[in-house]
C-alpha atoms as a PDB file:
ATOM      1  CA  MET A   1      90.180 162.596-125.777  1.00  0.00           C
ATOM      2  CA  ASP A   2      90.207 159.239-124.033  1.00  0.00           C
ATOM      3  CA  GLU A   3      91.254 158.842-120.442  1.00  0.00           C
ATOM      4  CA  PRO A   4      94.612 157.070-119.978  1.00  0.00           C
ATOM      5  CA  SER A   5      94.320 153.453-118.941  1.00  0.00           C
ATOM      6  CA  LEU A   6      95.747 152.346-115.606  1.00  0.00           C
ATOM      7  CA  SER A   7      95.520 148.648-116.400  1.00  0.00           C
ATOM      8  CA  ASN A   8      99.310 148.344-116.677  1.00  0.00           C
ATOM      9  CA  ALA A   9     100.030 150.143-113.404  1.00  0.00           C
ATOM     10  CA  PRO A  10     100.713 146.919-111.418  1.00  0.00           C
ATOM     11  CA  ASP A  11     103.231 145.825-114.059  1.00  0.00           C
ATOM     12  CA  VAL A  12     105.073 149.136-113.845  1.00  0.00           C
ATOM     13  CA  VAL A  13     105.138 148.982-110.044  1.00  0.00           C
ATOM     14  CA  PHE A  14     106.477 145.408-110.230  1.00  0.00           C
ATOM     15  CA  LEU A  15     109.265 146.416-112.633  1.00  0.00           C
ATOM     16  CA  LEU A  16     110.262 149.359-110.464  1.00  0.00           C
ATOM     17  CA  ALA A  17     110.223 147.160-107.340  1.00  0.00           C
ATOM     18  CA  THR A  18     112.442 144.508-108.928  1.00  0.00           C
ATOM     19  CA  ASP A  19     114.853 147.188-110.131  1.00  0.00           C
ATOM     20  CA  GLY A  20     114.953 148.636-106.617  1.00  0.00           C
ATOM     21  CA  ILE A  21     115.656 145.221-105.096  1.00  0.00           C
ATOM     22  CA  SER A  22     118.501 144.620-107.548  1.00  0.00           C
ATOM     23  CA  GLN A  23     119.972 148.041-106.698  1.00  0.00           C
ATOM     24  CA  LEU A  24     119.714 147.246-102.990  1.00  0.00           C
ATOM     25  CA  CYS A  25     121.491 143.905-103.477  1.00  0.00           C
ATOM     26  CA  LEU A  26     124.220 145.538-105.546  1.00  0.00           C
ATOM     27  CA  GLY A  27     124.684 148.193-102.844  1.00  0.00           C
ATOM     28  CA  VAL A  28     125.029 145.539-100.140  1.00  0.00           C
ATOM     29  CA  LEU A  29     127.588 143.695-102.289  1.00  0.00           C
ATOM     30  CA  LEU A  30     129.590 146.880-102.857  1.00  0.00           C
ATOM     31  CA  VAL A  31     129.631 147.676 -99.128  1.00  0.00           C
ATOM     32  CA  TRP A  32     130.717 144.106 -98.337  1.00  0.00           C
ATOM     33  CA  VAL A  33     133.571 144.328-100.868  1.00  0.00           C
ATOM     34  CA  ALA A  34     134.649 147.726 -99.540  1.00  0.00           C
ATOM     35  CA  LEU A  35     134.682 146.544 -95.914  1.00  0.00           C
ATOM     36  CA  ARG A  36     135.693 142.885 -96.093  1.00  0.00           C
ATOM     37  CA  ARG A  37     137.201 141.975 -99.480  1.00  0.00           C
ATOM     38  CA  ARG A  38     139.293 144.907-100.614  1.00  0.00           C
ATOM     39  CA  GLU A  39     141.172 142.744-103.107  1.00  0.00           C
ATOM     40  CA  LEU A  40     137.952 142.646-105.164  1.00  0.00           C
ATOM     41  CA  VAL A  41     137.646 146.439-105.455  1.00  0.00           C
ATOM     42  CA  PRO A  42     139.174 146.637-108.979  1.00  0.00           C
ATOM     43  CA  GLN A  43     136.798 143.961-110.266  1.00  0.00           C
ATOM     44  CA  MET A  44     133.800 145.733-108.726  1.00  0.00           C
ATOM     45  CA  LEU A  45     134.909 149.045-110.255  1.00  0.00           C
ATOM     46  CA  MET A  46     135.196 147.337-113.651  1.00  0.00           C
ATOM     47  CA  PHE A  47     131.729 145.838-113.160  1.00  0.00           C
ATOM     48  CA  GLU A  48     130.252 149.213-112.197  1.00  0.00           C
ATOM     49  CA  SER A  49     131.962 150.898-115.162  1.00  0.00           C
ATOM     50  CA  ALA A  50     130.718 148.265-117.600  1.00  0.00           C
ATOM     51  CA  MET A  51     127.188 148.422-116.206  1.00  0.00           C
ATOM     52  CA  ASN A  52     126.996 152.219-116.546  1.00  0.00           C
ATOM     53  CA  ALA A  53     128.635 152.170-119.985  1.00  0.00           C
ATOM     54  CA  LEU A  54     126.048 149.661-121.203  1.00  0.00           C
ATOM     55  CA  VAL A  55     123.198 151.757-119.782  1.00  0.00           C
ATOM     56  CA  LEU A  56     124.554 154.841-121.573  1.00  0.00           C
ATOM     57  CA  LEU A  57     125.013 152.867-124.788  1.00  0.00           C
ATOM     58  CA  MET A  58     121.407 151.763-124.554  1.00  0.00           C
ATOM     59  CA  GLU A  59     120.165 155.286-123.787  1.00  0.00           C
ATOM     60  CA  TYR A  60     122.112 157.044-126.541  1.00  0.00           C
ATOM     61  CA  ALA A  61     122.742 154.539-129.335  1.00  0.00           C
ATOM     62  CA  ILE A  62     120.744 151.316-129.257  1.00  0.00           C
ATOM     63  CA  LYS A  63     117.339 152.402-127.951  1.00  0.00           C
ATOM     64  CA  PRO A  64     117.070 156.118-127.172  1.00  0.00           C
ATOM     65  CA  PRO A  65     114.099 156.853-124.928  1.00  0.00           C
ATOM     66  CA  VAL A  66     111.115 158.832-126.146  1.00  0.00           C
ATOM     67  CA  SER A  67     111.376 161.269-123.254  1.00  0.00           C
ATOM     68  CA  PRO A  68     114.420 162.318-121.203  1.00  0.00           C
ATOM     69  CA  VAL A  69     115.505 159.810-118.564  1.00  0.00           C
ATOM     70  CA  PRO A  70     116.007 161.407-115.118  1.00  0.00           C
ATOM     71  CA  GLY A  71     119.147 159.404-114.239  1.00  0.00           C
ATOM     72  CA  ARG A  72     120.975 159.897-117.517  1.00  0.00           C
ATOM     73  CA  PHE A  73     123.487 162.424-116.190  1.00  0.00           C
ATOM     74  CA  ALA A  74     123.971 160.430-113.007  1.00  0.00           C
ATOM     75  CA  HIS A  75     125.038 157.435-115.129  1.00  0.00           C
ATOM     76  CA  MET A  76     127.622 159.641-116.847  1.00  0.00           C
ATOM     77  CA  ALA A  77     128.950 160.899-113.524  1.00  0.00           C
ATOM     78  CA  VAL A  78     129.122 157.417-111.969  1.00  0.00           C
ATOM     79  CA  LEU A  79     130.915 156.074-115.061  1.00  0.00           C
ATOM     80  CA  ALA A  80     133.502 158.867-114.894  1.00  0.00           C
ATOM     81  CA  VAL A  81     134.076 158.413-111.141  1.00  0.00           C
ATOM     82  CA  ALA A  82     134.280 154.605-111.415  1.00  0.00           C
ATOM     83  CA  LEU A  83     136.807 154.803-114.252  1.00  0.00           C
ATOM     84  CA  ALA A  84     138.886 157.371-112.368  1.00  0.00           C
ATOM     85  CA  ALA A  85     138.821 155.242-109.205  1.00  0.00           C
ATOM     86  CA  LEU A  86     139.784 152.166-111.215  1.00  0.00           C
ATOM     87  CA  ALA A  87     142.732 154.050-112.714  1.00  0.00           C
ATOM     88  CA  VAL A  88     143.869 155.158-109.253  1.00  0.00           C
ATOM     89  CA  VAL A  89     143.612 151.611-107.870  1.00  0.00           C
ATOM     90  CA  VAL A  90     145.411 150.006-110.823  1.00  0.00           C
ATOM     91  CA  LEU A  91     148.170 152.622-110.942  1.00  0.00           C
ATOM     92  CA  GLY A  92     148.600 152.446-107.153  1.00  0.00           C
ATOM     93  CA  ARG A  93     148.956 148.670-107.243  1.00  0.00           C
ATOM     94  CA  ARG A  94     151.394 148.868-110.144  1.00  0.00           C
ATOM     95  CA  LYS A  95     153.473 151.458-108.268  1.00  0.00           C
ATOM     96  CA  ASN A  96     153.526 149.243-105.150  1.00  0.00           C
ATOM     97  CA  THR A  97     154.504 146.199-107.222  1.00  0.00           C
ATOM     98  CA  ILE A  98     157.376 148.057-108.889  1.00  0.00           C
ATOM     99  CA  SER A  99     158.651 149.463-105.588  1.00  0.00           C
ATOM    100  CA  THR A 100     158.609 146.026-103.887  1.00  0.00           C
ATOM    101  CA  GLU A 101     160.437 144.440-106.834  1.00  0.00           C
ATOM    102  CA  ARG A 102     163.240 146.992-106.570  1.00  0.00           C
ATOM    103  CA  SER A 103     163.836 146.371-102.869  1.00  0.00           C
END
């Protein structure tokens, strides 16, 4: 049996590093929206929901992985929480809009 080749190791490290940087940037953006621009929270929740839904679509329908992906269940949980939070925000804003129109 041949030894596995490590010639692609730098490429894998590069891909993981760029994914980590993009996650770090997204985290900073989410913190900024939560602290400074609360009016953008629904849009960020929609973005997060769409991103996780597309990842799950890719993992289950378009291109299922050969081996189990460690974060698969985390994507499901984040999608459920983001959709629930979006529903709470939208329903809360609608309730506030209706109550201010009546007064």
